[in-house]
């Protein structure tokens, strides 16, 4: 029988430990949702993973770098990028407020912005902090519309009244706040005018800088309303549209409920009633009968898979060697999902896109690395592991006969763990 409490933890967190599942079963489903979405006290686990101090972007005050200066600055940027990726993976692993961390990762994929184009780790970290500090979607949209990482990612720094650029305005409507079919091309053009006048400065990662002389201050008609829209009044106008709440609810369902079936109307209505507070929308989703039914399936994203395995095997990125950390991040690159580097403005794919044959080989190699670390570093009985204990460790409801036979044939504890980590039962919630 499907365990709805374990399923809840697998979907709402980055992978529950055996003790977390046992505690949640004792508390019950409703109490577990309440604890996940309204945690008591500060996050003591996350406090052990402080945000890295990067200092200034190395390209700041280098308007015309020499070949040597550019090489040195690019090297420093790579070090800073590695630092923020490893920090976030560590925080995801040790955080006690797992649902909040999972929701933040959802927002990162929703407002997809990549270090690969942005370049500045300082910009990316500042954007991350804006998302983390936003109490609701309305505030988040207002902060991000002038965020240097997002502005640069979507060419907003090139958007002036004399040469308007529609990229940011289009994605605000299509991918971030409204969804296709809820605006016109005229709305996109007018939104582009509203967003003119912002530029980025590497020395100011907290916000883009507004230049009034480059802003089109004339009236614009957007979604049937005529006003002197600017960046802030534009996003305020978009968030107020009924389509916004419905769109965000559907995107959350896509990541938490099902990547193949549309959000049920009743589920969407419950979530819309909780808009614009993201964690309340999540609570409405997690307590919905359609979500609890267990008839929907989700393939774990690579970061979910890796962080969940780290948590369940008692491993922490901050305590691993530099070489092992490099293996993990290289593996995530091979799997196609690295924090701070979404594949496109549309974010990462979902569903069976993560189950290619190439990904299977990469995942197998990573699983072997993790199993090797657990096999050598743990002293709590990994050497006496069997399929039943492995299911408990990995929060798997049950093994199919085929998987069970494969696990029984494992020649060592390391091989048993490796096979469990790449099994269909572990990869699909």
Protein backbone atom coordinates (compact mmCIF):
# COMPACT_ATOMS: atom_id res chain seq x y z
CA UNK A 1 0.00 0.00 0.00
CA UNK A 2 1.25 3.48 -0.86
CA UNK A 3 2.39 5.47 2.18
CA UNK A 4 0.90 8.96 1.76
CA UNK A 5 2.99 10.42 4.59
CA UNK A 6 6.24 9.18 3.05
CA UNK A 7 5.06 10.41 -0.37
CA UNK A 8 4.34 13.81 1.16
CA UNK A 9 7.87 14.04 2.54
CA UNK A 10 9.42 12.91 -0.73
CA UNK A 11 7.54 15.60 -2.66
CA UNK A 12 7.76 18.47 -0.16
CA UNK A 13 11.40 17.98 0.90
CA UNK A 14 14.69 17.01 -0.67
CA UNK A 15 14.38 13.44 0.56
CA UNK A 16 13.32 12.34 4.05
CA UNK A 17 15.53 10.37 6.37
CA UNK A 18 14.23 7.20 7.99
CA UNK A 19 13.79 8.99 11.33
CA UNK A 20 11.84 11.81 9.67
CA UNK A 21 9.48 9.32 8.04
CA UNK A 22 8.95 7.49 11.34
CA UNK A 23 8.24 10.76 13.15
CA UNK A 24 5.83 11.92 10.45
CA UNK A 25 3.91 8.64 10.49
CA UNK A 26 3.45 8.98 14.22
CA UNK A 27 2.29 12.61 13.90
CA UNK A 28 -0.04 11.98 10.98
CA UNK A 29 -0.49 13.64 7.59
CA UNK A 30 -2.18 16.89 8.67
CA UNK A 31 0.28 17.58 11.47
CA UNK A 32 3.20 16.86 9.15
CA UNK A 33 1.93 19.34 6.55
CA UNK A 34 1.52 21.95 9.30
CA UNK A 35 5.06 21.35 10.54
CA UNK A 36 6.51 21.51 7.04
CA UNK A 37 4.76 24.71 6.02
CA UNK A 38 4.82 26.49 9.40
CA UNK A 39 8.03 25.31 11.09
CA UNK A 40 8.62 26.39 14.67
CA UNK A 41 11.73 28.37 15.54
CA UNK A 42 14.82 29.20 13.49
CA UNK A 43 16.40 26.77 11.06
CA UNK A 44 19.35 25.54 13.12
CA UNK A 45 20.57 23.22 10.40
CA UNK A 46 20.70 25.98 7.80
CA UNK A 47 22.53 28.21 10.29
CA UNK A 48 25.49 25.83 10.06
CA UNK A 49 25.80 26.68 6.34
CA UNK A 50 26.48 30.44 6.31
CA UNK A 51 26.29 32.37 3.05
CA UNK A 52 29.78 32.70 1.50
CA UNK A 53 31.43 36.10 1.49
CA UNK A 54 32.43 36.70 -2.11
CA UNK A 55 33.63 40.28 -1.98
CA UNK A 56 33.49 42.39 -5.14
CA UNK A 57 33.10 41.01 -8.62
CA UNK A 58 36.65 40.72 -10.01
CA UNK A 59 35.63 42.51 -13.21
CA UNK A 60 34.40 45.55 -11.28
CA UNK A 61 36.58 48.57 -12.16
CA UNK A 62 38.15 46.67 -15.08
CA UNK A 63 36.59 48.46 -18.06
CA UNK A 64 39.41 47.46 -20.40
CA UNK A 65 41.24 44.49 -18.87
CA UNK A 66 44.48 43.14 -20.25
CA UNK A 67 44.68 39.50 -21.29
CA UNK A 68 46.30 38.65 -17.96
CA UNK A 69 43.73 40.62 -15.94
CA UNK A 70 40.85 38.98 -17.77
CA UNK A 71 42.26 35.50 -17.19
CA UNK A 72 42.73 36.20 -13.49
CA UNK A 73 39.25 37.68 -13.13
CA UNK A 74 37.63 34.75 -14.95
CA UNK A 75 39.50 32.34 -12.69
CA UNK A 76 38.21 34.17 -9.61
CA UNK A 77 34.66 34.10 -10.99
CA UNK A 78 34.90 30.33 -11.45
CA UNK A 79 36.03 29.97 -7.83
CA UNK A 80 33.14 32.15 -6.66
CA UNK A 81 30.67 30.18 -8.78
CA UNK A 82 31.90 26.89 -7.32
CA UNK A 83 31.58 28.40 -3.84
CA UNK A 84 27.92 29.39 -4.18
CA UNK A 85 26.95 26.09 -5.83
CA UNK A 86 28.62 24.05 -3.10
CA UNK A 87 27.16 26.29 -0.40
CA UNK A 88 23.61 25.88 -1.66
CA UNK A 89 23.96 22.11 -2.03
CA UNK A 90 25.24 22.00 1.55
CA UNK A 91 22.38 24.14 2.84
CA UNK A 92 19.80 22.04 1.01
CA UNK A 93 21.26 18.98 2.70
CA UNK A 94 21.40 20.27 6.29
CA UNK A 95 18.40 22.61 6.42
CA UNK A 96 15.70 21.65 8.91
CA UNK A 97 13.03 23.71 7.14
CA UNK A 98 13.06 21.44 4.13
CA UNK A 99 9.77 22.57 2.58
CA UNK A 100 10.94 26.20 2.54
CA UNK A 101 14.20 25.19 0.85
CA UNK A 102 12.37 23.08 -1.71
CA UNK A 103 10.01 25.95 -2.45
CA UNK A 104 12.95 28.32 -2.92
CA UNK A 105 14.45 25.87 -5.40
CA UNK A 106 11.11 25.93 -7.22
CA UNK A 107 11.27 29.73 -7.45
CA UNK A 108 14.83 29.52 -8.76
CA UNK A 109 13.62 27.34 -11.63
CA UNK A 110 10.53 29.49 -12.14
CA UNK A 111 12.43 32.82 -12.38
CA UNK A 112 15.13 30.97 -14.28
CA UNK A 113 18.37 32.95 -14.48
CA UNK A 114 21.74 31.39 -15.31
CA UNK A 115 25.28 32.21 -14.27
CA UNK A 116 26.35 31.06 -17.74
CA UNK A 117 25.14 34.31 -19.28
CA UNK A 118 24.99 36.59 -16.25
CA UNK A 119 28.64 35.89 -15.45
CA UNK A 120 28.70 37.50 -12.01
CA UNK A 121 28.31 35.15 -9.01
CA UNK A 122 27.65 38.26 -6.92
CA UNK A 123 24.61 39.03 -9.08
CA UNK A 124 23.34 35.45 -8.76
CA UNK A 125 23.78 35.32 -5.00
CA UNK A 126 22.03 38.69 -4.59
CA UNK A 127 19.09 37.39 -6.63
CA UNK A 128 18.95 34.27 -4.49
CA UNK A 129 18.76 36.39 -1.34
CA UNK A 130 15.90 38.44 -2.82
CA UNK A 131 13.87 35.29 -3.43
CA UNK A 132 14.67 33.95 0.02
CA UNK A 133 13.61 37.17 1.74
CA UNK A 134 10.34 37.65 -0.18
CA UNK A 135 7.25 36.89 1.94
CA UNK A 136 4.99 36.52 -1.11
CA UNK A 137 4.91 36.53 -4.89
CA UNK A 138 3.90 40.18 -5.12
CA UNK A 139 6.99 41.28 -3.19
CA UNK A 140 9.19 38.83 -5.09
CA UNK A 141 8.09 40.19 -8.47
CA UNK A 142 8.76 43.75 -7.34
CA UNK A 143 12.27 42.83 -6.15
CA UNK A 144 13.17 40.79 -9.21
CA UNK A 145 11.99 43.22 -11.87
CA UNK A 146 14.99 45.41 -11.03
CA UNK A 147 17.32 42.58 -10.07
CA UNK A 148 20.67 42.87 -11.92
CA UNK A 149 20.89 39.15 -12.68
CA UNK A 150 17.42 39.00 -14.23
CA UNK A 151 17.77 42.34 -16.01
CA UNK A 152 21.09 41.30 -17.57
CA UNK A 153 19.88 37.74 -18.34
CA UNK A 154 17.00 39.16 -20.40
CA UNK A 155 18.88 42.10 -21.95
CA UNK A 156 17.05 44.68 -19.86
CA UNK A 157 20.18 46.82 -19.63
CA UNK A 158 19.81 47.42 -23.38
CA UNK A 159 16.21 48.57 -23.08
CA UNK A 160 15.89 52.33 -23.61
CA UNK A 161 13.14 54.59 -24.90
CA UNK A 162 15.12 55.08 -28.12
CA UNK A 163 15.79 51.34 -28.59
CA UNK A 164 13.15 49.33 -26.71
CA UNK A 165 13.84 45.67 -25.97
CA UNK A 166 10.92 43.31 -25.33
CA UNK A 167 12.74 40.33 -23.80
CA UNK A 168 12.11 41.00 -20.11
CA UNK A 169 8.54 42.18 -20.69
CA UNK A 170 7.73 39.09 -22.73
CA UNK A 171 9.09 36.64 -20.17
CA UNK A 172 7.37 38.45 -17.31
CA UNK A 173 4.11 37.66 -19.04
CA UNK A 174 4.83 34.31 -20.67
CA UNK A 175 6.95 32.47 -18.09
CA UNK A 176 6.89 34.30 -14.78
CA UNK A 177 3.46 35.79 -14.07
CA UNK A 178 0.68 35.14 -16.62
CA UNK A 179 1.32 32.28 -19.02
CA UNK A 180 0.71 31.99 -22.75
CA UNK A 181 -2.74 33.08 -23.90
CA UNK A 182 -3.26 35.70 -21.22
CA UNK A 183 -1.73 38.68 -23.03
CA UNK A 184 -1.27 40.06 -26.53
CA UNK A 185 1.75 41.14 -28.56
CA UNK A 186 0.63 44.73 -28.00
CA UNK A 187 0.82 44.12 -24.25
CA UNK A 188 4.38 42.81 -24.64
CA UNK A 189 5.49 45.91 -26.57
CA UNK A 190 3.91 48.23 -24.04
CA UNK A 191 5.50 46.28 -21.17
CA UNK A 192 8.87 46.73 -22.86
CA UNK A 193 8.33 50.48 -22.80
CA UNK A 194 7.46 50.35 -19.10
CA UNK A 195 10.73 48.55 -18.35
CA UNK A 196 13.05 51.02 -20.08
CA UNK A 197 15.82 52.86 -18.26
CA UNK A 198 17.48 50.16 -16.11
CA UNK A 199 21.18 49.32 -16.28
CA UNK A 200 23.42 46.99 -14.33
CA UNK A 201 26.66 47.82 -12.53
CA UNK A 202 29.00 45.09 -11.28
CA UNK A 203 29.77 47.24 -8.24
CA UNK A 204 26.10 47.28 -7.20
CA UNK A 205 24.84 43.65 -7.13
CA UNK A 206 21.85 44.50 -4.93
CA UNK A 207 19.87 46.34 -7.60
CA UNK A 208 19.93 47.59 -11.17
CA UNK A 209 20.22 51.36 -11.48
CA UNK A 210 17.43 53.47 -12.93
CA UNK A 211 18.28 56.20 -15.45
CA UNK A 212 15.18 58.44 -15.87
CA UNK A 213 16.49 59.94 -19.09
CA UNK A 214 16.39 56.50 -20.74
CA UNK A 215 12.87 55.69 -19.53
CA UNK A 216 9.76 56.04 -21.66
CA UNK A 217 7.49 57.97 -19.29
CA UNK A 218 4.55 58.18 -21.67
CA UNK A 219 1.20 56.41 -21.14
CA UNK A 220 0.97 52.71 -22.00
CA UNK A 221 -2.05 50.48 -22.40
CA UNK A 222 -1.44 47.04 -20.87
CA UNK A 223 -4.12 44.39 -20.47
CA UNK A 224 -6.80 47.00 -21.03
CA UNK A 225 -5.51 49.56 -18.55
CA UNK A 226 -3.88 52.84 -19.61
CA UNK A 227 -1.40 54.45 -17.21
CA UNK A 228 2.13 55.79 -16.98
CA UNK A 229 3.47 52.34 -16.21
CA UNK A 230 7.01 51.83 -14.96
CA UNK A 231 8.73 48.60 -13.84
CA UNK A 232 7.09 48.49 -10.41
CA UNK A 233 3.59 49.47 -11.40
CA UNK A 234 3.82 47.01 -14.31
CA UNK A 235 4.53 43.97 -12.12
CA UNK A 236 1.93 45.14 -9.62
CA UNK A 237 -0.59 45.26 -12.46
CA UNK A 238 0.39 41.79 -13.71
CA UNK A 239 0.21 40.16 -10.28
CA UNK A 240 -3.32 41.53 -9.81
CA UNK A 241 -4.56 39.74 -12.92
CA UNK A 242 -6.68 36.64 -12.13
CA UNK A 243 -4.52 34.73 -14.62
CA UNK A 244 -1.44 35.22 -12.43
CA UNK A 245 -2.70 33.20 -9.47
CA UNK A 246 -3.96 30.44 -11.78
CA UNK A 247 -0.67 30.32 -13.67
CA UNK A 248 1.52 30.13 -10.57
CA UNK A 249 -0.72 27.42 -9.11
CA UNK A 250 -0.39 25.38 -12.31
CA UNK A 251 3.40 25.75 -12.28
CA UNK A 252 3.57 24.56 -8.68
CA UNK A 253 1.40 21.57 -9.54
CA UNK A 254 3.75 20.79 -12.44
CA UNK A 255 6.70 20.53 -10.02
CA UNK A 256 4.97 19.02 -6.97
CA UNK A 257 1.93 17.20 -8.31
CA UNK A 258 2.34 15.92 -11.87
CA UNK A 259 4.46 16.92 -14.84
CA UNK A 260 2.19 15.04 -17.25
CA UNK A 261 -1.38 15.80 -16.16
CA UNK A 262 -2.91 19.29 -15.86
CA UNK A 263 -3.82 20.67 -12.49
CA UNK A 264 -7.35 19.65 -11.46
CA UNK A 265 -9.71 22.60 -11.37
CA UNK A 266 -10.64 22.07 -7.72
CA UNK A 267 -6.96 21.91 -6.73
CA UNK A 268 -6.23 25.10 -8.64
CA UNK A 269 -9.11 26.91 -6.95
CA UNK A 270 -7.82 25.95 -3.49
CA UNK A 271 -4.34 27.20 -4.36
CA UNK A 272 -5.62 30.42 -5.92
CA UNK A 273 -7.43 31.19 -2.67
CA UNK A 274 -4.02 31.13 -0.92
CA UNK A 275 -2.32 33.43 -3.47
CA UNK A 276 0.04 35.37 -3.31
CA UNK A 277 1.80 33.65 -0.38
CA UNK A 278 3.81 30.80 -1.88
CA UNK A 279 4.06 28.65 1.24
CA UNK A 280 0.29 28.90 1.76
CA UNK A 281 -0.29 27.86 -1.83
CA UNK A 282 2.01 24.92 -1.21
CA UNK A 283 0.03 24.00 1.91
CA UNK A 284 -3.20 24.09 -0.10
CA UNK A 285 -1.62 21.77 -2.65
CA UNK A 286 -0.21 19.31 -0.13
CA UNK A 287 -3.54 18.99 1.67
CA UNK A 288 -5.57 18.55 -1.51
CA UNK A 289 -7.25 15.19 -2.04
CA UNK A 290 -5.99 14.96 -5.61
CA UNK A 291 -2.40 15.36 -4.45
CA UNK A 292 -2.87 12.82 -1.65
CA UNK A 293 -4.49 10.26 -3.93
CA UNK A 294 -1.13 8.86 -4.95
CA UNK A 295 -2.21 8.30 -8.55
CA UNK A 296 0.24 10.85 -9.92
CA UNK A 297 3.95 10.21 -10.40
CA UNK A 298 6.95 12.53 -10.57
CA UNK A 299 10.49 11.81 -11.69
CA UNK A 300 13.04 13.30 -9.30
CA UNK A 301 15.10 16.14 -10.70
CA UNK A 302 18.88 15.54 -10.45
CA UNK A 303 19.39 17.99 -7.57
CA UNK A 304 16.47 16.41 -5.68
CA UNK A 305 17.97 12.98 -6.27
CA UNK A 306 21.50 13.96 -5.17
CA UNK A 307 20.53 16.00 -2.11
CA UNK A 308 18.05 13.35 -1.00
CA UNK A 309 20.75 10.68 -1.21
CA UNK A 310 23.19 12.85 0.73
CA UNK A 311 20.61 13.39 3.48
CA UNK A 312 19.64 9.74 3.72
CA UNK A 313 23.23 8.47 3.72
CA UNK A 314 24.29 10.95 6.38
CA UNK A 315 26.70 12.81 4.09
CA UNK A 316 27.26 16.56 4.01
CA UNK A 317 28.86 18.47 1.10
CA UNK A 318 30.79 20.80 3.43
CA UNK A 319 32.52 17.80 4.98
CA UNK A 320 33.52 16.15 1.71
CA UNK A 321 36.89 16.57 0.05
CA UNK A 322 37.36 19.09 -2.74
CA UNK A 323 37.86 16.18 -5.14
CA UNK A 324 34.59 14.52 -4.14
CA UNK A 325 32.69 17.79 -4.35
CA UNK A 326 34.08 18.25 -7.84
CA UNK A 327 32.82 14.76 -8.74
CA UNK A 328 29.35 15.63 -7.48
CA UNK A 329 29.08 18.96 -9.31
CA UNK A 330 30.54 17.46 -12.47
CA UNK A 331 27.95 14.72 -12.19
CA UNK A 332 25.15 17.28 -11.88
CA UNK A 333 26.51 18.99 -14.98
CA UNK A 334 26.34 15.68 -16.81
CA UNK A 335 22.78 15.17 -15.59
CA UNK A 336 21.83 18.65 -16.82
CA UNK A 337 20.89 20.40 -13.58
CA UNK A 338 23.28 22.63 -11.65
CA UNK A 339 22.10 25.23 -9.11
CA UNK A 340 22.41 28.80 -10.42
CA UNK A 341 22.54 27.50 -14.01
CA UNK A 342 19.08 26.65 -15.42
CA UNK A 343 19.21 25.40 -18.99
CA UNK A 344 17.08 28.24 -20.37
CA UNK A 345 14.71 31.03 -19.37
CA UNK A 346 12.06 28.32 -19.23
CA UNK A 347 13.92 26.59 -16.42
CA UNK A 348 14.64 22.88 -16.24
CA UNK A 349 12.58 20.15 -17.85
CA UNK A 350 10.55 17.67 -15.83
CA UNK A 351 9.39 14.10 -16.15
CA UNK A 352 11.13 11.47 -18.24
CA UNK A 353 13.58 14.01 -19.70
CA UNK A 354 15.82 13.05 -16.75
CA UNK A 355 15.72 9.31 -17.59
CA UNK A 356 17.84 9.18 -20.74
CA UNK A 357 20.41 6.42 -21.22
CA UNK A 358 23.25 8.96 -20.95
CA UNK A 359 21.84 10.27 -17.68
CA UNK A 360 21.52 6.72 -16.39
CA UNK A 361 25.24 6.12 -16.81
CA UNK A 362 26.13 9.41 -15.11
CA UNK A 363 23.73 8.72 -12.25
CA UNK A 364 25.16 5.24 -11.79
CA UNK A 365 28.65 6.67 -11.43
CA UNK A 366 27.45 9.25 -8.91
CA UNK A 367 25.52 6.63 -6.97
CA UNK A 368 28.65 4.51 -6.73
CA UNK A 369 30.60 7.48 -5.36
CA UNK A 370 27.92 8.14 -2.73
CA UNK A 371 27.65 4.47 -1.79
CA UNK A 372 31.41 4.28 -1.42
CA UNK A 373 31.42 7.25 0.94
CA UNK A 374 28.60 5.78 3.01
CA UNK A 375 30.22 2.35 3.04
CA UNK A 376 33.50 3.69 4.41
CA UNK A 377 32.36 6.64 6.53
CA UNK A 378 29.32 5.25 8.36
CA UNK A 379 29.47 3.06 11.42
CA UNK A 380 25.79 2.28 11.90
CA UNK A 381 25.34 -0.98 10.06
CA UNK A 382 25.69 -0.23 6.35
CA UNK A 383 27.76 -3.40 6.14
CA UNK A 384 24.69 -5.38 7.30
CA UNK A 385 22.30 -3.75 4.81
CA UNK A 386 19.65 -5.81 3.03
CA UNK A 387 16.81 -4.82 0.64
CA UNK A 388 14.33 -4.32 3.47
CA UNK A 389 16.60 -2.05 5.48
CA UNK A 390 17.60 -0.24 2.29
CA UNK A 391 13.95 0.58 1.54
CA UNK A 392 13.62 2.09 5.00
CA UNK A 393 16.85 4.06 4.61
CA UNK A 394 15.84 5.50 1.22
CA UNK A 395 12.15 6.08 2.11
CA UNK A 396 10.98 3.72 -0.63
CA UNK A 397 7.52 2.24 -0.08
CA UNK A 398 8.32 -1.14 -1.59
CA UNK A 399 10.48 -2.79 -4.25
CA UNK A 400 9.05 -4.45 -7.33
CA UNK A 401 9.91 -8.13 -7.69
CA UNK A 402 12.41 -7.32 -10.42
CA UNK A 403 14.25 -4.72 -8.34
CA UNK A 404 14.13 -6.90 -5.23
CA UNK A 405 15.81 -9.78 -7.05
CA UNK A 406 18.52 -7.44 -8.38
CA UNK A 407 19.16 -6.11 -4.89
CA UNK A 408 19.33 -9.62 -3.43
CA UNK A 409 22.04 -10.47 -5.96
CA UNK A 410 24.22 -7.50 -4.97
CA UNK A 411 27.72 -8.67 -4.15
CA UNK A 412 28.53 -6.02 -1.53
CA UNK A 413 26.90 -3.32 0.61
CA UNK A 414 28.29 -0.71 -1.78
CA UNK A 415 26.72 -2.38 -4.78
CA UNK A 416 23.43 -2.77 -2.90
CA UNK A 417 23.34 0.96 -2.10
CA UNK A 418 24.30 1.87 -5.66
CA UNK A 419 21.52 -0.24 -7.14
CA UNK A 420 18.98 1.19 -4.70
CA UNK A 421 19.91 4.76 -5.58
CA UNK A 422 19.39 4.20 -9.30
CA UNK A 423 16.31 1.99 -9.00
CA UNK A 424 13.01 3.11 -10.59
CA UNK A 425 11.38 3.07 -7.16
CA UNK A 426 13.88 5.64 -5.90
CA UNK A 427 13.90 7.81 -9.02
CA UNK A 428 10.12 8.14 -9.30
CA UNK A 429 7.94 9.46 -6.47
